[in-house]
Amino acid sequence: MKLRYTLRAAAELDKALAYIEVRSSLGANRVRARIQTVINLLLRHPYVGQLTSKGRLRRIVASPYPYVIFYRATKDEIVIHGVRHGARRSVSMAD
């Protein structure tokens, strides 16, 4: 199974981790590790996330952190479309 990030998703993840890093490098490392763990889960079980109202777009929360990963799964690829803090206002993930 391949993994790919849209440009938007990569930028969102970088921005979130940079924000946390300023406040706590340990916190940023923990959030980064948890997001990676969730993505590894997706690579093994691509349909574990909840379907959204955006067609085949799915979402999964990187608990215990409030980051939501938006993705699409195909038979051979996971495409990450967004990584957002759960408290942020929703925007279209139609990239």
PDB file of N, CA and C in Angstrom:
ATOM      1  N   MET A   1       0.855  -1.173   0.000  1.00  0.00           N
ATOM      2  CA  MET A   1       0.000   0.000   0.000  1.00  0.00           C
ATOM      3  C   MET A   1       0.902   1.238   0.000  1.00  0.00           C
ATOM      4  N   LYS A   2       0.628   2.151  -0.914  1.00  0.00           N
ATOM      5  CA  LYS A   2       1.385   3.400  -1.011  1.00  0.00           C
ATOM      6  C   LYS A   2       0.730   4.468  -0.141  1.00  0.00           C
ATOM      7  N   LEU A   3       1.533   5.451   0.241  1.00  0.00           N
ATOM      8  CA  LEU A   3       1.045   6.591   1.017  1.00  0.00           C
ATOM      9  C   LEU A   3       1.434   7.859   0.281  1.00  0.00           C
ATOM     10  N   ARG A   4       0.477   8.776   0.160  1.00  0.00           N
ATOM     11  CA  ARG A   4       0.753  10.054  -0.490  1.00  0.00           C
ATOM     12  C   ARG A   4       0.014  11.160   0.255  1.00  0.00           C
ATOM     13  N   TYR A   5       0.644  12.310   0.367  1.00  0.00           N
ATOM     14  CA  TYR A   5       0.035  13.502   0.960  1.00  0.00           C
ATOM     15  C   TYR A   5      -0.240  14.503  -0.149  1.00  0.00           C
ATOM     16  N   THR A   6      -1.392  15.176  -0.105  1.00  0.00           N
ATOM     17  CA  THR A   6      -1.592  16.313  -0.992  1.00  0.00           C
ATOM     18  C   THR A   6      -0.697  17.439  -0.477  1.00  0.00           C
ATOM     19  N   LEU A   7      -0.446  18.415  -1.314  1.00  0.00           N
ATOM     20  CA  LEU A   7       0.360  19.565  -0.874  1.00  0.00           C
ATOM     21  C   LEU A   7      -0.296  20.258   0.312  1.00  0.00           C
ATOM     22  N   ARG A   8      -1.620  20.379   0.263  1.00  0.00           N
ATOM     23  CA  ARG A   8      -2.357  21.021   1.349  1.00  0.00           C
ATOM     24  C   ARG A   8      -2.166  20.252   2.662  1.00  0.00           C
ATOM     25  N   ALA A   9      -2.294  18.943   2.610  1.00  0.00           N
ATOM     26  CA  ALA A   9      -2.158  18.122   3.817  1.00  0.00           C
ATOM     27  C   ALA A   9      -0.752  18.219   4.398  1.00  0.00           C
ATOM     28  N   ALA A  10       0.253  18.161   3.538  1.00  0.00           N
ATOM     29  CA  ALA A  10       1.637  18.260   4.009  1.00  0.00           C
ATOM     30  C   ALA A  10       1.876  19.619   4.676  1.00  0.00           C
ATOM     31  N   ALA A  11       1.334  20.675   4.078  1.00  0.00           N
ATOM     32  CA  ALA A  11       1.488  22.018   4.651  1.00  0.00           C
ATOM     33  C   ALA A  11       0.752  22.131   5.982  1.00  0.00           C
ATOM     34  N   GLU A  12      -0.449  21.565   6.076  1.00  0.00           N
ATOM     35  CA  GLU A  12      -1.208  21.613   7.329  1.00  0.00           C
ATOM     36  C   GLU A  12      -0.476  20.878   8.446  1.00  0.00           C
ATOM     37  N   LEU A  13       0.071  19.713   8.125  1.00  0.00           N
ATOM     38  CA  LEU A  13       0.802  18.952   9.132  1.00  0.00           C
ATOM     39  C   LEU A  13       2.052  19.697   9.577  1.00  0.00           C
ATOM     40  N   ASP A  14       2.802  20.232   8.633  1.00  0.00           N
ATOM     41  CA  ASP A  14       4.003  21.000   8.977  1.00  0.00           C
ATOM     42  C   ASP A  14       3.663  22.204   9.856  1.00  0.00           C
ATOM     43  N   LYS A  15       2.599  22.901   9.496  1.00  0.00           N
ATOM     44  CA  LYS A  15       2.189  24.087  10.254  1.00  0.00           C
ATOM     45  C   LYS A  15       1.771  23.718  11.679  1.00  0.00           C
ATOM     46  N   ALA A  16       0.999  22.656  11.819  1.00  0.00           N
ATOM     47  CA  ALA A  16       0.549  22.228  13.149  1.00  0.00           C
ATOM     48  C   ALA A  16       1.733  21.827  14.017  1.00  0.00           C
ATOM     49  N   LEU A  17       2.646  21.042  13.454  1.00  0.00           N
ATOM     50  CA  LEU A  17       3.802  20.590  14.234  1.00  0.00           C
ATOM     51  C   LEU A  17       4.727  21.750  14.584  1.00  0.00           C
ATOM     52  N   ALA A  18       4.885  22.710  13.675  1.00  0.00           N
ATOM     53  CA  ALA A  18       5.708  23.889  13.958  1.00  0.00           C
ATOM     54  C   ALA A  18       5.097  24.713  15.094  1.00  0.00           C
ATOM     55  N   TYR A  19       3.785  24.845  15.097  1.00  0.00           N
ATOM     56  CA  TYR A  19       3.080  25.578  16.149  1.00  0.00           C
ATOM     57  C   TYR A  19       3.329  24.917  17.507  1.00  0.00           C
ATOM     58  N   ILE A  20       3.198  23.606  17.546  1.00  0.00           N
ATOM     59  CA  ILE A  20       3.412  22.879  18.806  1.00  0.00           C
ATOM     60  C   ILE A  20       4.878  22.947  19.217  1.00  0.00           C
ATOM     61  N   GLU A  21       5.767  22.833  18.258  1.00  0.00           N
ATOM     62  CA  GLU A  21       7.214  22.829  18.519  1.00  0.00           C
ATOM     63  C   GLU A  21       7.663  24.086  19.252  1.00  0.00           C
ATOM     64  N   VAL A  22       7.086  25.228  18.906  1.00  0.00           N
ATOM     65  CA  VAL A  22       7.440  26.492  19.560  1.00  0.00           C
ATOM     66  C   VAL A  22       7.130  26.422  21.051  1.00  0.00           C
ATOM     67  N   ARG A  23       6.073  25.730  21.385  1.00  0.00           N
ATOM     68  CA  ARG A  23       5.639  25.638  22.773  1.00  0.00           C
ATOM     69  C   ARG A  23       6.255  24.461  23.523  1.00  0.00           C
ATOM     70  N   SER A  24       6.487  23.347  22.791  1.00  0.00           N
ATOM     71  CA  SER A  24       7.028  22.147  23.430  1.00  0.00           C
ATOM     72  C   SER A  24       7.564  21.190  22.370  1.00  0.00           C
ATOM     73  N   SER A  25       8.872  21.026  22.331  1.00  0.00           N
ATOM     74  CA  SER A  25       9.442  20.092  21.349  1.00  0.00           C
ATOM     75  C   SER A  25       9.024  18.655  21.679  1.00  0.00           C
ATOM     76  N   LEU A  26       8.911  18.337  22.960  1.00  0.00           N
ATOM     77  CA  LEU A  26       8.458  17.007  23.362  1.00  0.00           C
ATOM     78  C   LEU A  26       7.011  16.786  22.907  1.00  0.00           C
ATOM     79  N   GLY A  27       6.179  17.799  23.078  1.00  0.00           N
ATOM     80  CA  GLY A  27       4.789  17.710  22.639  1.00  0.00           C
ATOM     81  C   GLY A  27       4.692  17.499  21.134  1.00  0.00           C
ATOM     82  N   ALA A  28       5.498  18.217  20.370  1.00  0.00           N
ATOM     83  CA  ALA A  28       5.494  18.059  18.911  1.00  0.00           C
ATOM     84  C   ALA A  28       5.921  16.654  18.527  1.00  0.00           C
ATOM     85  N   ASN A  29       6.929  16.126  19.203  1.00  0.00           N
ATOM     86  CA  ASN A  29       7.377  14.764  18.914  1.00  0.00           C
ATOM     87  C   ASN A  29       6.287  13.743  19.228  1.00  0.00           C
ATOM     88  N   ARG A  30       5.564  13.960  20.307  1.00  0.00           N
ATOM     89  CA  ARG A  30       4.483  13.035  20.667  1.00  0.00           C
ATOM     90  C   ARG A  30       3.346  13.071  19.657  1.00  0.00           C
ATOM     91  N   VAL A  31       2.961  14.274  19.249  1.00  0.00           N
ATOM     92  CA  VAL A  31       1.884  14.400  18.259  1.00  0.00           C
ATOM     93  C   VAL A  31       2.337  13.788  16.935  1.00  0.00           C
ATOM     94  N   ARG A  32       3.561  14.077  16.514  1.00  0.00           N
ATOM     95  CA  ARG A  32       4.100  13.514  15.265  1.00  0.00           C
ATOM     96  C   ARG A  32       4.073  11.979  15.321  1.00  0.00           C
ATOM     97  N   ALA A  33       4.530  11.420  16.434  1.00  0.00           N
ATOM     98  CA  ALA A  33       4.570   9.961  16.578  1.00  0.00           C
ATOM     99  C   ALA A  33       3.167   9.367  16.541  1.00  0.00           C
ATOM    100  N   ARG A  34       2.213  10.026  17.188  1.00  0.00           N
ATOM    101  CA  ARG A  34       0.842   9.504  17.212  1.00  0.00           C
ATOM    102  C   ARG A  34       0.220   9.551  15.824  1.00  0.00           C
ATOM    103  N   ILE A  35       0.423  10.651  15.108  1.00  0.00           N
ATOM    104  CA  ILE A  35      -0.103  10.755  13.747  1.00  0.00           C
ATOM    105  C   ILE A  35       0.516   9.672  12.874  1.00  0.00           C
ATOM    106  N   GLN A  36       1.803   9.422  13.022  1.00  0.00           N
ATOM    107  CA  GLN A  36       2.457   8.371  12.243  1.00  0.00           C
ATOM    108  C   GLN A  36       1.884   6.997  12.593  1.00  0.00           C
ATOM    109  N   THR A  37       1.604   6.767  13.868  1.00  0.00           N
ATOM    110  CA  THR A  37       1.000   5.499  14.289  1.00  0.00           C
ATOM    111  C   THR A  37      -0.364   5.305  13.632  1.00  0.00           C
ATOM    112  N   VAL A  38      -1.163   6.354  13.602  1.00  0.00           N
ATOM    113  CA  VAL A  38      -2.490   6.274  12.979  1.00  0.00           C
ATOM    114  C   VAL A  38      -2.353   6.025  11.478  1.00  0.00           C
ATOM    115  N   ILE A  39      -1.407   6.677  10.836  1.00  0.00           N
ATOM    116  CA  ILE A  39      -1.199   6.473   9.400  1.00  0.00           C
ATOM    117  C   ILE A  39      -0.734   5.041   9.131  1.00  0.00           C
ATOM    118  N   ASN A  40       0.116   4.510   9.991  1.00  0.00           N
ATOM    119  CA  ASN A  40       0.523   3.104   9.845  1.00  0.00           C
ATOM    120  C   ASN A  40      -0.680   2.174   9.960  1.00  0.00           C
ATOM    121  N   LEU A  41      -1.609   2.500  10.860  1.00  0.00           N
ATOM    122  CA  LEU A  41      -2.846   1.734  10.983  1.00  0.00           C
ATOM    123  C   LEU A  41      -3.639   1.795   9.678  1.00  0.00           C
ATOM    124  N   LEU A  42      -3.726   2.985   9.089  1.00  0.00           N
ATOM    125  CA  LEU A  42      -4.452   3.147   7.830  1.00  0.00           C
ATOM    126  C   LEU A  42      -3.835   2.317   6.712  1.00  0.00           C
ATOM    127  N   LEU A  43      -2.531   2.214   6.713  1.00  0.00           N
ATOM    128  CA  LEU A  43      -1.858   1.430   5.681  1.00  0.00           C
ATOM    129  C   LEU A  43      -2.205  -0.057   5.795  1.00  0.00           C
ATOM    130  N   ARG A  44      -2.465  -0.510   7.010  1.00  0.00           N
ATOM    131  CA  ARG A  44      -2.850  -1.913   7.234  1.00  0.00           C
ATOM    132  C   ARG A  44      -4.361  -2.128   7.099  1.00  0.00           C
ATOM    133  N   HIS A  45      -5.135  -1.117   7.508  1.00  0.00           N
ATOM    134  CA  HIS A  45      -6.599  -1.205   7.519  1.00  0.00           C
ATOM    135  C   HIS A  45      -7.173   0.082   6.920  1.00  0.00           C
ATOM    136  N   PRO A  46      -7.147   0.209   5.618  1.00  0.00           N
ATOM    137  CA  PRO A  46      -7.482   1.485   4.972  1.00  0.00           C
ATOM    138  C   PRO A  46      -8.906   2.001   5.192  1.00  0.00           C
ATOM    139  N   TYR A  47      -9.837   1.143   5.542  1.00  0.00           N
ATOM    140  CA  TYR A  47     -11.220   1.586   5.668  1.00  0.00           C
ATOM    141  C   TYR A  47     -11.669   1.748   7.112  1.00  0.00           C
ATOM    142  N   VAL A  48     -10.708   1.849   8.028  1.00  0.00           N
ATOM    143  CA  VAL A  48     -11.030   1.969   9.449  1.00  0.00           C
ATOM    144  C   VAL A  48     -11.648   3.335   9.784  1.00  0.00           C
ATOM    145  N   GLY A  49     -11.328   4.349   9.027  1.00  0.00           N
ATOM    146  CA  GLY A  49     -11.854   5.689   9.291  1.00  0.00           C
ATOM    147  C   GLY A  49     -13.317   5.821   8.927  1.00  0.00           C
ATOM    148  N   GLN A  50     -13.939   6.815   9.506  1.00  0.00           N
ATOM    149  CA  GLN A  50     -15.362   7.080   9.290  1.00  0.00           C
ATOM    150  C   GLN A  50     -15.567   7.842   7.983  1.00  0.00           C
ATOM    151  N   LEU A  51     -16.530   7.402   7.181  1.00  0.00           N
ATOM    152  CA  LEU A  51     -16.868   8.135   5.955  1.00  0.00           C
ATOM    153  C   LEU A  51     -17.420   9.506   6.306  1.00  0.00           C
ATOM    154  N   THR A  52     -17.072  10.494   5.496  1.00  0.00           N
ATOM    155  CA  THR A  52     -17.608  11.840   5.661  1.00  0.00           C
ATOM    156  C   THR A  52     -18.693  12.067   4.614  1.00  0.00           C
ATOM    157  N   SER A  53     -19.256  13.242   4.608  1.00  0.00           N
ATOM    158  CA  SER A  53     -20.268  13.584   3.612  1.00  0.00           C
ATOM    159  C   SER A  53     -19.639  13.960   2.266  1.00  0.00           C
ATOM    160  N   LYS A  54     -18.319  13.911   2.171  1.00  0.00           N
ATOM    161  CA  LYS A  54     -17.590  14.284   0.952  1.00  0.00           C
ATOM    162  C   LYS A  54     -17.245  13.057   0.108  1.00  0.00           C
ATOM    163  N   GLY A  55     -18.223  12.260  -0.243  1.00  0.00           N
ATOM    164  CA  GLY A  55     -17.972  11.106  -1.106  1.00  0.00           C
ATOM    165  C   GLY A  55     -17.156  10.034  -0.422  1.00  0.00           C
ATOM    166  N   ARG A  56     -16.020   9.696  -0.994  1.00  0.00           N
ATOM    167  CA  ARG A  56     -15.182   8.631  -0.450  1.00  0.00           C
ATOM    168  C   ARG A  56     -14.169   9.137   0.573  1.00  0.00           C
ATOM    169  N   LEU A  57     -14.247  10.381   0.974  1.00  0.00           N
ATOM    170  CA  LEU A  57     -13.320  10.938   1.954  1.00  0.00           C
ATOM    171  C   LEU A  57     -13.650  10.369   3.335  1.00  0.00           C
ATOM    172  N   ARG A  58     -12.605   9.932   4.023  1.00  0.00           N
ATOM    173  CA  ARG A  58     -12.753   9.365   5.365  1.00  0.00           C
ATOM    174  C   ARG A  58     -12.004  10.230   6.358  1.00  0.00           C
ATOM    175  N   ARG A  59     -12.321  10.017   7.642  1.00  0.00           N
ATOM    176  CA  ARG A  59     -11.645  10.757   8.701  1.00  0.00           C
ATOM    177  C   ARG A  59     -11.348   9.815   9.850  1.00  0.00           C
ATOM    178  N   ILE A  60     -10.239  10.114  10.527  1.00  0.00           N
ATOM    179  CA  ILE A  60      -9.875   9.367  11.726  1.00  0.00           C
ATOM    180  C   ILE A  60      -9.167  10.336  12.658  1.00  0.00           C
ATOM    181  N   VAL A  61      -9.426  10.210  13.946  1.00  0.00           N
ATOM    182  CA  VAL A  61      -8.830  11.101  14.945  1.00  0.00           C
ATOM    183  C   VAL A  61      -7.579  10.443  15.509  1.00  0.00           C
ATOM    184  N   ALA A  62      -6.539  11.234  15.671  1.00  0.00           N
ATOM    185  CA  ALA A  62      -5.271  10.752  16.228  1.00  0.00           C
ATOM    186  C   ALA A  62      -5.317  10.875  17.753  1.00  0.00           C
ATOM    187  N   SER A  63      -6.282  10.213  18.363  1.00  0.00           N
ATOM    188  CA  SER A  63      -6.455  10.260  19.824  1.00  0.00           C
ATOM    189  C   SER A  63      -5.189   9.799  20.527  1.00  0.00           C
ATOM    190  N   PRO A  64      -4.850  10.385  21.642  1.00  0.00           N
ATOM    191  CA  PRO A  64      -5.619  11.305  22.466  1.00  0.00           C
ATOM    192  C   PRO A  64      -5.498  12.759  22.027  1.00  0.00           C
ATOM    193  N   TYR A  65      -4.789  12.999  20.934  1.00  0.00           N
ATOM    194  CA  TYR A  65      -4.637  14.371  20.450  1.00  0.00           C
ATOM    195  C   TYR A  65      -5.802  14.709  19.529  1.00  0.00           C
ATOM    196  N   PRO A  66      -6.195  15.972  19.474  1.00  0.00           N
ATOM    197  CA  PRO A  66      -7.409  16.331  18.721  1.00  0.00           C
ATOM    198  C   PRO A  66      -7.169  16.575  17.232  1.00  0.00           C
ATOM    199  N   TYR A  67      -6.228  15.848  16.644  1.00  0.00           N
ATOM    200  CA  TYR A  67      -5.945  16.041  15.221  1.00  0.00           C
ATOM    201  C   TYR A  67      -6.728  15.031  14.399  1.00  0.00           C
ATOM    202  N   VAL A  68      -7.398  15.546  13.367  1.00  0.00           N
ATOM    203  CA  VAL A  68      -8.221  14.724  12.496  1.00  0.00           C
ATOM    204  C   VAL A  68      -7.483  14.576  11.172  1.00  0.00           C
ATOM    205  N   ILE A  69      -7.362  13.338  10.726  1.00  0.00           N
ATOM    206  CA  ILE A  69      -6.707  13.037   9.460  1.00  0.00           C
ATOM    207  C   ILE A  69      -7.808  12.709   8.455  1.00  0.00           C
ATOM    208  N   PHE A  70      -7.832  13.448   7.357  1.00  0.00           N
ATOM    209  CA  PHE A  70      -8.793  13.217   6.277  1.00  0.00           C
ATOM    210  C   PHE A  70      -8.055  12.501   5.157  1.00  0.00           C
ATOM    211  N   TYR A  71      -8.646  11.421   4.641  1.00  0.00           N
ATOM    212  CA  TYR A  71      -7.934  10.637   3.628  1.00  0.00           C
ATOM    213  C   TYR A  71      -8.913   9.918   2.708  1.00  0.00           C
ATOM    214  N   ARG A  72      -8.380   9.470   1.585  1.00  0.00           N
ATOM    215  CA  ARG A  72      -9.105   8.607   0.659  1.00  0.00           C
ATOM    216  C   ARG A  72      -8.296   7.330   0.524  1.00  0.00           C
ATOM    217  N   ALA A  73      -9.007   6.229   0.463  1.00  0.00           N
ATOM    218  CA  ALA A  73      -8.354   4.935   0.307  1.00  0.00           C
ATOM    219  C   ALA A  73      -8.760   4.319  -1.024  1.00  0.00           C
ATOM    220  N   THR A  74      -7.769   3.805  -1.740  1.00  0.00           N
ATOM    221  CA  THR A  74      -8.034   3.013  -2.934  1.00  0.00           C
ATOM    222  C   THR A  74      -7.448   1.632  -2.685  1.00  0.00           C
ATOM    223  N   LYS A  75      -7.537   0.763  -3.658  1.00  0.00           N
ATOM    224  CA  LYS A  75      -7.024  -0.591  -3.446  1.00  0.00           C
ATOM    225  C   LYS A  75      -5.516  -0.630  -3.249  1.00  0.00           C
ATOM    226  N   ASP A  76      -4.797   0.403  -3.708  1.00  0.00           N
ATOM    227  CA  ASP A  76      -3.341   0.369  -3.579  1.00  0.00           C
ATOM    228  C   ASP A  76      -2.715   1.646  -3.005  1.00  0.00           C
ATOM    229  N   GLU A  77      -3.553   2.592  -2.547  1.00  0.00           N
ATOM    230  CA  GLU A  77      -2.994   3.866  -2.093  1.00  0.00           C
ATOM    231  C   GLU A  77      -3.869   4.525  -1.029  1.00  0.00           C
ATOM    232  N   ILE A  78      -3.206   5.175  -0.080  1.00  0.00           N
ATOM    233  CA  ILE A  78      -3.854   6.063   0.888  1.00  0.00           C
ATOM    234  C   ILE A  78      -3.396   7.464   0.525  1.00  0.00           C
ATOM    235  N   VAL A  79      -4.337   8.365   0.299  1.00  0.00           N
ATOM    236  CA  VAL A  79      -4.008   9.756   0.005  1.00  0.00           C
ATOM    237  C   VAL A  79      -4.505  10.596   1.171  1.00  0.00           C
ATOM    238  N   ILE A  80      -3.571  11.240   1.864  1.00  0.00           N
ATOM    239  CA  ILE A  80      -3.920  12.119   2.980  1.00  0.00           C
ATOM    240  C   ILE A  80      -4.292  13.478   2.392  1.00  0.00           C
ATOM    241  N   HIS A  81      -5.521  13.915   2.666  1.00  0.00           N
ATOM    242  CA  HIS A  81      -6.022  15.180   2.127  1.00  0.00           C
ATOM    243  C   HIS A  81      -5.970  16.317   3.137  1.00  0.00           C
ATOM    244  N   GLY A  82      -5.862  15.998   4.412  1.00  0.00           N
ATOM    245  CA  GLY A  82      -5.817  17.056   5.411  1.00  0.00           C
ATOM    246  C   GLY A  82      -5.466  16.502   6.778  1.00  0.00           C
ATOM    247  N   VAL A  83      -4.804  17.342   7.559  1.00  0.00           N
ATOM    248  CA  VAL A  83      -4.506  17.043   8.960  1.00  0.00           C
ATOM    249  C   VAL A  83      -4.838  18.315   9.712  1.00  0.00           C
ATOM    250  N   ARG A  84      -5.941  18.279  10.456  1.00  0.00           N
ATOM    251  CA  ARG A  84      -6.443  19.501  11.085  1.00  0.00           C
ATOM    252  C   ARG A  84      -6.734  19.278  12.557  1.00  0.00           C
ATOM    253  N   HIS A  85      -6.577  20.338  13.326  1.00  0.00           N
ATOM    254  CA  HIS A  85      -6.979  20.310  14.732  1.00  0.00           C
ATOM    255  C   HIS A  85      -8.506  20.228  14.756  1.00  0.00           C
ATOM    256  N   GLY A  86      -9.040  19.376  15.612  1.00  0.00           N
ATOM    257  CA  GLY A  86     -10.478  19.159  15.676  1.00  0.00           C
ATOM    258  C   GLY A  86     -11.293  20.400  15.991  1.00  0.00           C
ATOM    259  N   ALA A  87     -10.686  21.394  16.629  1.00  0.00           N
ATOM    260  CA  ALA A  87     -11.412  22.614  16.982  1.00  0.00           C
ATOM    261  C   ALA A  87     -11.462  23.621  15.834  1.00  0.00           C
ATOM    262  N   ARG A  88     -10.721  23.372  14.775  1.00  0.00           N
ATOM    263  CA  ARG A  88     -10.718  24.302  13.643  1.00  0.00           C
ATOM    264  C   ARG A  88     -11.980  24.168  12.822  1.00  0.00           C
ATOM    265  N   ARG A  89     -12.385  25.278  12.249  1.00  0.00           N
ATOM    266  CA  ARG A  89     -13.567  25.306  11.374  1.00  0.00           C
ATOM    267  C   ARG A  89     -13.317  24.417  10.167  1.00  0.00           C
ATOM    268  N   SER A  90     -14.307  23.686   9.782  1.00  0.00           N
ATOM    269  CA  SER A  90     -14.202  22.772   8.646  1.00  0.00           C
ATOM    270  C   SER A  90     -14.113  23.543   7.334  1.00  0.00           C
ATOM    271  N   VAL A  91     -13.266  23.039   6.438  1.00  0.00           N
ATOM    272  CA  VAL A  91     -13.200  23.560   5.063  1.00  0.00           C
ATOM    273  C   VAL A  91     -13.234  22.389   4.116  1.00  0.00           C
ATOM    274  N   SER A  92     -13.435  22.660   2.858  1.00  0.00           N
ATOM    275  CA  SER A  92     -13.508  21.590   1.859  1.00  0.00           C
ATOM    276  C   SER A  92     -12.181  20.864   1.734  1.00  0.00           C
ATOM    277  N   MET A  93     -12.245  19.544   1.646  1.00  0.00           N
ATOM    278  CA  MET A  93     -11.058  18.709   1.441  1.00  0.00           C
ATOM    279  C   MET A  93     -11.096  18.144   0.035  1.00  0.00           C
ATOM    280  N   ALA A  94     -11.527  18.935  -0.922  1.00  0.00           N
ATOM    281  CA  ALA A  94     -11.756  18.431  -2.279  1.00  0.00           C
ATOM    282  C   ALA A  94     -10.511  18.422  -3.147  1.00  0.00           C
ATOM    283  N   ASP A  95      -9.338  18.588  -2.589  1.00  0.00           N
ATOM    284  CA  ASP A  95      -8.110  18.588  -3.398  1.00  0.00           C
ATOM    285  C   ASP A  95      -7.958  17.314  -4.185  1.00  0.00           C
TER     286      ASP A  95
END
